[in-house]
Amino acid sequence: MKVIRLVILIVLALAPLQVSADRTIEAPKAPKLSNGADSMEELIDRFLRALKRGDRQALRDVRVSKAEYLRIVLPGFVPPGQPLKRYPSTMRRWAWDNLNTKSMFYESLFLNTLGGKHLTVDRFDYREGGGHQFALYTGHRQLELFVRDATGEEHEVETGSVVERDGKYKFISFIRE
């Protein structure tokens, strides 16, 4: 009976692995960003449209999901070519809960201060630079938008960081720290 259990455990453990043409075993690839924007400009446009509509769900949709954060962002936050980072489940849960809770706070702030306004982008920049390469993605830190409202008044909108993976873009969070 112990042998059967051991065999079942081994089969289950190896099931997600694939064998390449040269017979080496490869781990499954990290998932793609679901419904990611095709460019930074499109991501910004989706963000501003969500604000104009006062649509909290649309704001959440331009941000990574829990699965995307736990399968792409968190493990891939290492230099290219390095092994992916593995965290205990309690650390993973804490990291997502912390990030998500703070992002929801900023969603409320954005909706309360900019919701319902028609905003157009003059330009955007990254407070901490763009294009940081990590193992599974490119990170763009602290996206800063310079927008004008319907009266022509300029506003500075400080948002969070953005993940770029396979030509798709999403906010990692709206945290402005």
N, C-alpha and C. Protein backbone atom coordinates (compact mmCIF):
# COMPACT_ATOMS: atom_id res chain seq x y z
N MET A 1 0.82 -1.19 0.00
CA MET A 1 0.00 0.00 0.00
C MET A 1 0.86 1.26 0.00
N LYS A 2 1.98 1.21 0.77
CA LYS A 2 2.88 2.36 0.81
C LYS A 2 3.51 2.61 -0.55
N VAL A 3 3.82 1.54 -1.27
CA VAL A 3 4.44 1.66 -2.59
C VAL A 3 3.47 2.34 -3.56
N ILE A 4 2.20 1.97 -3.52
CA ILE A 4 1.20 2.58 -4.40
C ILE A 4 1.06 4.07 -4.10
N ARG A 5 1.01 4.43 -2.83
CA ARG A 5 0.92 5.84 -2.46
C ARG A 5 2.14 6.61 -2.96
N LEU A 6 3.31 6.03 -2.82
CA LEU A 6 4.54 6.67 -3.27
C LEU A 6 4.51 6.87 -4.78
N VAL A 7 4.06 5.87 -5.51
CA VAL A 7 3.97 5.97 -6.97
C VAL A 7 2.97 7.06 -7.36
N ILE A 8 1.84 7.11 -6.70
CA ILE A 8 0.83 8.13 -6.99
C ILE A 8 1.40 9.53 -6.72
N LEU A 9 2.09 9.69 -5.61
CA LEU A 9 2.70 10.99 -5.30
C LEU A 9 3.72 11.39 -6.35
N ILE A 10 4.53 10.45 -6.79
CA ILE A 10 5.54 10.75 -7.81
C ILE A 10 4.86 11.14 -9.12
N VAL A 11 3.84 10.40 -9.53
CA VAL A 11 3.13 10.70 -10.77
C VAL A 11 2.49 12.08 -10.68
N LEU A 12 1.85 12.38 -9.56
CA LEU A 12 1.23 13.70 -9.40
C LEU A 12 2.25 14.81 -9.40
N ALA A 13 3.39 14.58 -8.81
CA ALA A 13 4.44 15.59 -8.76
C ALA A 13 5.03 15.85 -10.13
N LEU A 14 5.12 14.82 -10.95
CA LEU A 14 5.73 14.97 -12.28
C LEU A 14 4.72 15.33 -13.36
N ALA A 15 3.45 15.21 -13.09
CA ALA A 15 2.43 15.45 -14.11
C ALA A 15 2.55 16.80 -14.78
N PRO A 16 2.80 17.91 -14.07
CA PRO A 16 2.85 19.19 -14.76
C PRO A 16 4.14 19.40 -15.56
N LEU A 17 5.11 18.53 -15.41
CA LEU A 17 6.37 18.69 -16.13
C LEU A 17 6.24 18.15 -17.54
N GLN A 18 6.99 18.77 -18.46
CA GLN A 18 6.97 18.34 -19.84
C GLN A 18 8.37 17.92 -20.24
N VAL A 19 8.45 16.94 -21.14
CA VAL A 19 9.74 16.49 -21.63
C VAL A 19 9.97 17.14 -22.98
N SER A 20 11.11 17.84 -23.13
CA SER A 20 11.43 18.48 -24.39
C SER A 20 12.00 17.47 -25.37
N ALA A 21 12.27 17.90 -26.61
CA ALA A 21 12.76 17.02 -27.66
C ALA A 21 14.07 16.34 -27.27
N ASP A 22 14.91 17.01 -26.49
CA ASP A 22 16.18 16.40 -26.11
C ASP A 22 16.07 15.62 -24.80
N ARG A 23 14.84 15.34 -24.39
CA ARG A 23 14.56 14.52 -23.22
C ARG A 23 14.88 15.17 -21.88
N THR A 24 15.08 16.47 -21.87
CA THR A 24 15.27 17.14 -20.58
C THR A 24 13.90 17.53 -20.06
N ILE A 25 13.76 17.52 -18.77
CA ILE A 25 12.48 17.86 -18.15
C ILE A 25 12.46 19.36 -17.87
N GLU A 26 11.36 20.00 -18.28
CA GLU A 26 11.21 21.44 -18.08
C GLU A 26 10.00 21.71 -17.21
N ALA A 27 10.12 22.69 -16.35
CA ALA A 27 8.99 23.11 -15.53
C ALA A 27 7.98 23.83 -16.41
N PRO A 28 6.70 23.81 -16.04
CA PRO A 28 5.71 24.53 -16.84
C PRO A 28 6.03 26.02 -16.88
N LYS A 29 5.71 26.64 -17.99
CA LYS A 29 5.97 28.07 -18.13
C LYS A 29 4.98 28.87 -17.30
N ALA A 30 5.43 30.03 -16.85
CA ALA A 30 4.53 30.91 -16.10
C ALA A 30 3.40 31.35 -17.03
N PRO A 31 2.24 31.58 -16.49
CA PRO A 31 1.10 31.96 -17.33
C PRO A 31 1.28 33.35 -17.95
N LYS A 32 0.48 33.60 -18.94
CA LYS A 32 0.46 34.92 -19.58
C LYS A 32 -0.43 35.84 -18.74
N LEU A 33 -0.31 37.13 -18.98
CA LEU A 33 -1.21 38.08 -18.33
C LEU A 33 -2.56 38.04 -19.04
N SER A 34 -3.60 37.71 -18.32
CA SER A 34 -4.92 37.64 -18.95
C SER A 34 -5.44 39.05 -19.19
N ASN A 35 -5.93 39.27 -20.40
CA ASN A 35 -6.53 40.55 -20.78
C ASN A 35 -5.59 41.73 -20.53
N GLY A 36 -4.30 41.53 -20.71
CA GLY A 36 -3.35 42.63 -20.57
C GLY A 36 -3.45 43.58 -21.75
N ALA A 37 -3.06 44.82 -21.53
CA ALA A 37 -3.06 45.83 -22.59
C ALA A 37 -1.90 45.56 -23.54
N ASP A 38 -2.05 45.95 -24.80
CA ASP A 38 -1.02 45.74 -25.81
C ASP A 38 0.10 46.77 -25.75
N SER A 39 -0.09 47.83 -24.98
CA SER A 39 0.94 48.87 -24.84
C SER A 39 0.71 49.61 -23.54
N MET A 40 1.72 50.37 -23.13
CA MET A 40 1.56 51.19 -21.93
C MET A 40 0.46 52.23 -22.16
N GLU A 41 0.40 52.78 -23.38
CA GLU A 41 -0.62 53.77 -23.69
C GLU A 41 -2.03 53.19 -23.57
N GLU A 42 -2.20 51.96 -24.02
CA GLU A 42 -3.51 51.32 -23.89
C GLU A 42 -3.85 51.06 -22.43
N LEU A 43 -2.87 50.64 -21.64
CA LEU A 43 -3.10 50.42 -20.21
C LEU A 43 -3.54 51.72 -19.53
N ILE A 44 -2.85 52.80 -19.84
CA ILE A 44 -3.21 54.10 -19.28
C ILE A 44 -4.61 54.51 -19.71
N ASP A 45 -4.93 54.27 -20.97
CA ASP A 45 -6.27 54.60 -21.48
C ASP A 45 -7.34 53.81 -20.74
N ARG A 46 -7.12 52.52 -20.52
CA ARG A 46 -8.08 51.70 -19.77
C ARG A 46 -8.24 52.21 -18.34
N PHE A 47 -7.13 52.58 -17.72
CA PHE A 47 -7.13 53.12 -16.36
C PHE A 47 -7.98 54.41 -16.31
N LEU A 48 -7.74 55.32 -17.24
CA LEU A 48 -8.48 56.59 -17.24
C LEU A 48 -9.95 56.40 -17.58
N ARG A 49 -10.27 55.48 -18.48
CA ARG A 49 -11.68 55.20 -18.78
C ARG A 49 -12.40 54.62 -17.57
N ALA A 50 -11.71 53.75 -16.82
CA ALA A 50 -12.31 53.19 -15.60
C ALA A 50 -12.59 54.31 -14.60
N LEU A 51 -11.66 55.24 -14.47
CA LEU A 51 -11.88 56.37 -13.56
C LEU A 51 -13.06 57.21 -14.03
N LYS A 52 -13.12 57.52 -15.31
CA LYS A 52 -14.21 58.35 -15.84
C LYS A 52 -15.57 57.71 -15.56
N ARG A 53 -15.64 56.38 -15.72
CA ARG A 53 -16.90 55.67 -15.47
C ARG A 53 -17.15 55.41 -13.99
N GLY A 54 -16.13 55.65 -13.17
CA GLY A 54 -16.27 55.33 -11.75
C GLY A 54 -16.39 53.83 -11.53
N ASP A 55 -15.71 53.07 -12.35
CA ASP A 55 -15.86 51.62 -12.40
C ASP A 55 -14.74 50.92 -11.62
N ARG A 56 -15.04 50.55 -10.40
CA ARG A 56 -14.07 49.89 -9.54
C ARG A 56 -13.60 48.54 -10.12
N GLN A 57 -14.51 47.78 -10.70
CA GLN A 57 -14.13 46.49 -11.28
C GLN A 57 -13.18 46.68 -12.46
N ALA A 58 -13.42 47.68 -13.28
CA ALA A 58 -12.52 47.95 -14.41
C ALA A 58 -11.13 48.35 -13.91
N LEU A 59 -11.06 49.04 -12.78
CA LEU A 59 -9.75 49.36 -12.18
C LEU A 59 -9.05 48.08 -11.75
N ARG A 60 -9.80 47.16 -11.17
CA ARG A 60 -9.20 45.89 -10.74
C ARG A 60 -8.75 45.07 -11.95
N ASP A 61 -9.45 45.20 -13.06
CA ASP A 61 -9.12 44.42 -14.24
C ASP A 61 -7.82 44.87 -14.91
N VAL A 62 -7.38 46.10 -14.67
CA VAL A 62 -6.11 46.56 -15.25
C VAL A 62 -4.93 46.21 -14.34
N ARG A 63 -5.23 45.57 -13.23
CA ARG A 63 -4.21 45.16 -12.26
C ARG A 63 -4.09 43.64 -12.29
N VAL A 64 -2.90 43.13 -11.95
CA VAL A 64 -2.72 41.67 -11.95
C VAL A 64 -3.68 41.01 -10.97
N SER A 65 -4.08 39.81 -11.33
CA SER A 65 -4.92 39.00 -10.44
C SER A 65 -4.03 38.34 -9.39
N LYS A 66 -4.66 37.71 -8.43
CA LYS A 66 -3.90 36.99 -7.41
C LYS A 66 -3.05 35.90 -8.07
N ALA A 67 -3.62 35.15 -8.99
CA ALA A 67 -2.87 34.08 -9.66
C ALA A 67 -1.69 34.65 -10.44
N GLU A 68 -1.89 35.75 -11.14
CA GLU A 68 -0.79 36.36 -11.90
C GLU A 68 0.31 36.86 -10.98
N TYR A 69 -0.08 37.43 -9.86
CA TYR A 69 0.91 37.91 -8.90
C TYR A 69 1.72 36.75 -8.33
N LEU A 70 1.02 35.69 -7.94
CA LEU A 70 1.69 34.57 -7.29
C LEU A 70 2.47 33.67 -8.26
N ARG A 71 2.10 33.69 -9.54
CA ARG A 71 2.77 32.82 -10.51
C ARG A 71 3.78 33.54 -11.40
N ILE A 72 3.65 34.86 -11.51
CA ILE A 72 4.55 35.63 -12.39
C ILE A 72 5.38 36.62 -11.59
N VAL A 73 4.70 37.55 -10.93
CA VAL A 73 5.41 38.68 -10.31
C VAL A 73 6.29 38.24 -9.14
N LEU A 74 5.71 37.58 -8.18
CA LEU A 74 6.46 37.22 -6.97
C LEU A 74 7.63 36.26 -7.26
N PRO A 75 7.40 35.14 -7.93
CA PRO A 75 8.55 34.25 -8.16
C PRO A 75 9.55 34.80 -9.16
N GLY A 76 9.08 35.65 -10.08
CA GLY A 76 9.95 36.18 -11.12
C GLY A 76 10.74 37.41 -10.74
N PHE A 77 10.63 37.84 -9.50
CA PHE A 77 11.33 39.04 -9.02
C PHE A 77 12.78 38.71 -8.67
N VAL A 78 13.48 38.17 -9.67
CA VAL A 78 14.91 37.84 -9.57
C VAL A 78 15.55 38.22 -10.90
N PRO A 79 16.86 38.39 -10.92
CA PRO A 79 17.52 38.73 -12.19
C PRO A 79 17.29 37.67 -13.26
N PRO A 80 17.29 38.07 -14.53
CA PRO A 80 17.15 37.10 -15.61
C PRO A 80 18.20 36.00 -15.50
N GLY A 81 17.78 34.77 -15.76
CA GLY A 81 18.69 33.65 -15.72
C GLY A 81 18.83 32.99 -14.35
N GLN A 82 18.33 33.64 -13.32
CA GLN A 82 18.40 33.08 -11.98
C GLN A 82 17.20 32.18 -11.73
N PRO A 83 17.32 31.21 -10.82
CA PRO A 83 16.17 30.37 -10.48
C PRO A 83 15.04 31.23 -9.90
N LEU A 84 13.83 30.83 -10.21
CA LEU A 84 12.67 31.56 -9.68
C LEU A 84 12.65 31.43 -8.17
N LYS A 85 12.17 32.47 -7.52
CA LYS A 85 12.10 32.52 -6.06
C LYS A 85 10.90 31.70 -5.59
N ARG A 86 11.12 30.91 -4.57
CA ARG A 86 10.04 30.12 -3.97
C ARG A 86 9.81 30.63 -2.56
N TYR A 87 8.57 30.83 -2.22
CA TYR A 87 8.20 31.35 -0.91
C TYR A 87 7.25 30.38 -0.22
N PRO A 88 7.31 30.33 1.11
CA PRO A 88 6.31 29.53 1.84
C PRO A 88 4.92 30.10 1.60
N SER A 89 3.92 29.26 1.71
CA SER A 89 2.54 29.69 1.43
C SER A 89 2.10 30.83 2.32
N THR A 90 2.55 30.86 3.58
CA THR A 90 2.16 31.97 4.46
C THR A 90 2.73 33.29 3.97
N MET A 91 3.96 33.27 3.46
CA MET A 91 4.58 34.48 2.91
C MET A 91 3.87 34.92 1.63
N ARG A 92 3.53 33.97 0.78
CA ARG A 92 2.82 34.29 -0.47
C ARG A 92 1.46 34.91 -0.16
N ARG A 93 0.76 34.32 0.79
CA ARG A 93 -0.56 34.84 1.17
C ARG A 93 -0.44 36.25 1.74
N TRP A 94 0.54 36.45 2.62
CA TRP A 94 0.74 37.77 3.21
C TRP A 94 1.10 38.80 2.13
N ALA A 95 1.99 38.44 1.21
CA ALA A 95 2.42 39.38 0.17
C ALA A 95 1.24 39.81 -0.68
N TRP A 96 0.40 38.85 -1.12
CA TRP A 96 -0.75 39.20 -1.94
C TRP A 96 -1.76 40.03 -1.13
N ASP A 97 -2.09 39.59 0.06
CA ASP A 97 -3.08 40.31 0.87
C ASP A 97 -2.64 41.74 1.13
N ASN A 98 -1.38 41.93 1.43
CA ASN A 98 -0.85 43.27 1.68
C ASN A 98 -0.94 44.14 0.42
N LEU A 99 -0.46 43.62 -0.69
CA LEU A 99 -0.49 44.35 -1.95
C LEU A 99 -1.92 44.67 -2.38
N ASN A 100 -2.79 43.68 -2.31
CA ASN A 100 -4.17 43.85 -2.75
C ASN A 100 -4.92 44.85 -1.87
N THR A 101 -4.75 44.76 -0.57
CA THR A 101 -5.44 45.67 0.35
C THR A 101 -5.01 47.12 0.10
N LYS A 102 -3.71 47.34 -0.03
CA LYS A 102 -3.23 48.70 -0.28
C LYS A 102 -3.70 49.20 -1.64
N SER A 103 -3.71 48.34 -2.64
CA SER A 103 -4.19 48.75 -3.97
C SER A 103 -5.67 49.12 -3.93
N MET A 104 -6.47 48.38 -3.16
CA MET A 104 -7.89 48.71 -3.05
C MET A 104 -8.07 50.07 -2.38
N PHE A 105 -7.22 50.39 -1.42
CA PHE A 105 -7.26 51.71 -0.80
C PHE A 105 -7.00 52.79 -1.86
N TYR A 106 -5.99 52.58 -2.70
CA TYR A 106 -5.69 53.56 -3.74
C TYR A 106 -6.78 53.62 -4.80
N GLU A 107 -7.43 52.49 -5.08
CA GLU A 107 -8.58 52.52 -5.99
C GLU A 107 -9.63 53.50 -5.47
N SER A 108 -9.92 53.40 -4.19
CA SER A 108 -10.91 54.31 -3.58
C SER A 108 -10.44 55.75 -3.66
N LEU A 109 -9.17 55.98 -3.38
CA LEU A 109 -8.62 57.34 -3.48
C LEU A 109 -8.77 57.87 -4.90
N PHE A 110 -8.39 57.09 -5.89
CA PHE A 110 -8.51 57.53 -7.28
C PHE A 110 -9.96 57.81 -7.65
N LEU A 111 -10.86 56.92 -7.26
CA LEU A 111 -12.28 57.11 -7.60
C LEU A 111 -12.86 58.34 -6.90
N ASN A 112 -12.46 58.58 -5.64
CA ASN A 112 -12.98 59.73 -4.91
C ASN A 112 -12.43 61.06 -5.42
N THR A 113 -11.21 61.06 -5.93
CA THR A 113 -10.60 62.32 -6.37
C THR A 113 -10.69 62.55 -7.88
N LEU A 114 -10.71 61.47 -8.67
CA LEU A 114 -10.69 61.61 -10.12
C LEU A 114 -11.86 60.94 -10.83
N GLY A 115 -12.66 60.20 -10.07
CA GLY A 115 -13.79 59.50 -10.67
C GLY A 115 -14.77 60.45 -11.33
N GLY A 116 -15.24 60.07 -12.51
CA GLY A 116 -16.22 60.88 -13.24
C GLY A 116 -15.60 61.97 -14.09
N LYS A 117 -14.31 62.18 -14.00
CA LYS A 117 -13.65 63.24 -14.77
C LYS A 117 -13.13 62.68 -16.09
N HIS A 118 -13.26 63.51 -17.12
CA HIS A 118 -12.67 63.18 -18.42
C HIS A 118 -11.24 63.70 -18.39
N LEU A 119 -10.28 62.77 -18.39
CA LEU A 119 -8.87 63.13 -18.32
C LEU A 119 -8.16 62.69 -19.59
N THR A 120 -7.29 63.54 -20.09
CA THR A 120 -6.47 63.19 -21.25
C THR A 120 -5.00 63.26 -20.85
N VAL A 121 -4.23 62.35 -21.39
CA VAL A 121 -2.82 62.26 -21.02
C VAL A 121 -1.99 63.23 -21.84
N ASP A 122 -1.20 64.05 -21.14
CA ASP A 122 -0.19 64.88 -21.80
C ASP A 122 1.08 64.06 -21.99
N ARG A 123 1.48 63.37 -20.92
CA ARG A 123 2.69 62.55 -20.95
C ARG A 123 2.69 61.64 -19.73
N PHE A 124 3.61 60.69 -19.75
CA PHE A 124 3.80 59.83 -18.58
C PHE A 124 5.29 59.56 -18.41
N ASP A 125 5.64 59.19 -17.19
CA ASP A 125 7.03 58.91 -16.85
C ASP A 125 7.04 57.90 -15.71
N TYR A 126 8.23 57.44 -15.37
CA TYR A 126 8.39 56.50 -14.26
C TYR A 126 9.27 57.17 -13.22
N ARG A 127 8.77 57.30 -12.01
CA ARG A 127 9.54 57.95 -10.95
C ARG A 127 10.80 57.17 -10.62
N GLU A 128 10.78 55.86 -10.77
CA GLU A 128 11.95 55.05 -10.44
C GLU A 128 12.49 54.33 -11.67
N GLY A 129 12.19 54.87 -12.83
CA GLY A 129 12.72 54.30 -14.06
C GLY A 129 11.88 53.19 -14.62
N GLY A 130 11.97 53.01 -15.92
CA GLY A 130 11.22 51.95 -16.58
C GLY A 130 12.16 50.90 -17.13
N GLY A 131 11.62 49.78 -17.44
CA GLY A 131 12.38 48.75 -18.11
C GLY A 131 13.35 47.96 -17.27
N HIS A 132 13.02 47.68 -16.02
CA HIS A 132 13.86 46.83 -15.18
C HIS A 132 13.59 45.37 -15.53
N GLN A 133 14.62 44.65 -15.94
CA GLN A 133 14.47 43.26 -16.36
C GLN A 133 14.51 42.32 -15.16
N PHE A 134 13.53 41.42 -15.11
CA PHE A 134 13.49 40.37 -14.12
C PHE A 134 13.34 39.04 -14.86
N ALA A 135 13.37 37.94 -14.15
CA ALA A 135 13.37 36.62 -14.77
C ALA A 135 12.15 36.38 -15.65
N LEU A 136 10.97 36.78 -15.21
CA LEU A 136 9.74 36.49 -15.96
C LEU A 136 9.08 37.70 -16.59
N TYR A 137 9.62 38.87 -16.37
CA TYR A 137 8.93 40.06 -16.88
C TYR A 137 9.86 41.28 -16.82
N THR A 138 9.34 42.35 -17.39
CA THR A 138 9.98 43.66 -17.29
C THR A 138 9.11 44.50 -16.36
N GLY A 139 9.74 45.17 -15.42
CA GLY A 139 9.01 46.00 -14.47
C GLY A 139 9.22 47.47 -14.78
N HIS A 140 8.14 48.22 -14.67
CA HIS A 140 8.18 49.68 -14.84
C HIS A 140 7.70 50.27 -13.52
N ARG A 141 8.60 50.90 -12.80
CA ARG A 141 8.31 51.31 -11.43
C ARG A 141 7.69 52.71 -11.33
N GLN A 142 6.61 52.75 -10.57
CA GLN A 142 5.99 54.01 -10.16
C GLN A 142 5.61 54.89 -11.36
N LEU A 143 4.61 54.44 -12.11
CA LEU A 143 4.10 55.17 -13.26
C LEU A 143 3.47 56.48 -12.80
N GLU A 144 3.88 57.55 -13.43
CA GLU A 144 3.38 58.89 -13.09
C GLU A 144 2.73 59.47 -14.35
N LEU A 145 1.46 59.85 -14.23
CA LEU A 145 0.71 60.40 -15.35
C LEU A 145 0.54 61.91 -15.18
N PHE A 146 0.69 62.63 -16.29
CA PHE A 146 0.41 64.06 -16.31
C PHE A 146 -0.78 64.21 -17.24
N VAL A 147 -1.93 64.57 -16.66
CA VAL A 147 -3.19 64.59 -17.39
C VAL A 147 -3.84 65.97 -17.27
N ARG A 148 -4.77 66.22 -18.18
CA ARG A 148 -5.58 67.45 -18.14
C ARG A 148 -7.05 67.05 -18.03
N ASP A 149 -7.79 67.83 -17.25
CA ASP A 149 -9.22 67.58 -17.14
C ASP A 149 -9.94 68.39 -18.22
N ALA A 150 -11.27 68.36 -18.21
CA ALA A 150 -12.07 69.03 -19.25
C ALA A 150 -11.87 70.55 -19.27
N THR A 151 -11.44 71.13 -18.15
CA THR A 151 -11.21 72.58 -18.10
C THR A 151 -9.79 72.95 -18.54
N GLY A 152 -8.96 71.94 -18.79
CA GLY A 152 -7.58 72.19 -19.19
C GLY A 152 -6.61 72.22 -18.03
N GLU A 153 -7.13 72.03 -16.81
CA GLU A 153 -6.25 72.03 -15.64
C GLU A 153 -5.41 70.74 -15.62
N GLU A 154 -4.11 70.92 -15.35
CA GLU A 154 -3.22 69.76 -15.31
C GLU A 154 -3.25 69.11 -13.93
N HIS A 155 -3.21 67.78 -13.94
CA HIS A 155 -3.15 67.00 -12.71
C HIS A 155 -2.01 65.99 -12.84
N GLU A 156 -1.37 65.72 -11.74
CA GLU A 156 -0.35 64.68 -11.68
C GLU A 156 -0.96 63.49 -10.96
N VAL A 157 -0.98 62.35 -11.61
CA VAL A 157 -1.56 61.15 -11.03
C VAL A 157 -0.43 60.15 -10.80
N GLU A 158 -0.10 59.92 -9.56
CA GLU A 158 0.95 58.96 -9.21
C GLU A 158 0.30 57.61 -8.99
N THR A 159 0.71 56.66 -9.80
CA THR A 159 0.16 55.31 -9.68
C THR A 159 1.27 54.38 -9.22
N GLY A 160 1.03 53.10 -9.34
CA GLY A 160 2.01 52.12 -8.90
C GLY A 160 2.86 51.61 -10.04
N SER A 161 3.34 50.39 -9.89
CA SER A 161 4.24 49.80 -10.87
C SER A 161 3.49 48.92 -11.86
N VAL A 162 4.14 48.70 -13.00
CA VAL A 162 3.52 47.97 -14.11
C VAL A 162 4.41 46.78 -14.47
N VAL A 163 3.76 45.66 -14.79
CA VAL A 163 4.45 44.47 -15.28
C VAL A 163 4.21 44.39 -16.79
N GLU A 164 5.28 44.05 -17.50
CA GLU A 164 5.20 43.80 -18.94
C GLU A 164 5.69 42.37 -19.18
N ARG A 165 4.82 41.57 -19.77
CA ARG A 165 5.19 40.17 -20.03
C ARG A 165 4.64 39.78 -21.40
N ASP A 166 5.51 39.31 -22.25
CA ASP A 166 5.11 38.87 -23.59
C ASP A 166 4.31 39.93 -24.34
N GLY A 167 4.73 41.18 -24.21
CA GLY A 167 4.07 42.27 -24.94
C GLY A 167 2.74 42.71 -24.35
N LYS A 168 2.42 42.27 -23.16
CA LYS A 168 1.17 42.66 -22.47
C LYS A 168 1.52 43.42 -21.21
N TYR A 169 0.66 44.36 -20.83
CA TYR A 169 0.90 45.24 -19.69
C TYR A 169 -0.27 45.22 -18.72
N LYS A 170 0.07 45.22 -17.43
CA LYS A 170 -0.91 45.37 -16.36
C LYS A 170 -0.23 46.06 -15.18
N PHE A 171 -1.02 46.74 -14.38
CA PHE A 171 -0.49 47.26 -13.13
C PHE A 171 -0.22 46.10 -12.19
N ILE A 172 0.89 46.16 -11.48
CA ILE A 172 1.13 45.21 -10.40
C ILE A 172 0.30 45.65 -9.20
N SER A 173 0.35 46.94 -8.95
CA SER A 173 -0.43 47.52 -7.86
C SER A 173 -0.64 48.99 -8.17
N PHE A 174 -1.43 49.63 -7.33
CA PHE A 174 -1.60 51.09 -7.41
C PHE A 174 -0.86 51.77 -6.28
N ILE A 175 -0.04 51.04 -5.56
CA ILE A 175 0.69 51.58 -4.41
C ILE A 175 1.72 52.59 -4.88
N ARG A 176 1.72 53.75 -4.26
CA ARG A 176 2.58 54.85 -4.69
C ARG A 176 3.80 55.04 -3.82
N GLU A 177 4.18 54.06 -3.05
CA GLU A 177 5.33 54.19 -2.15
C GLU A 177 6.62 54.00 -2.89
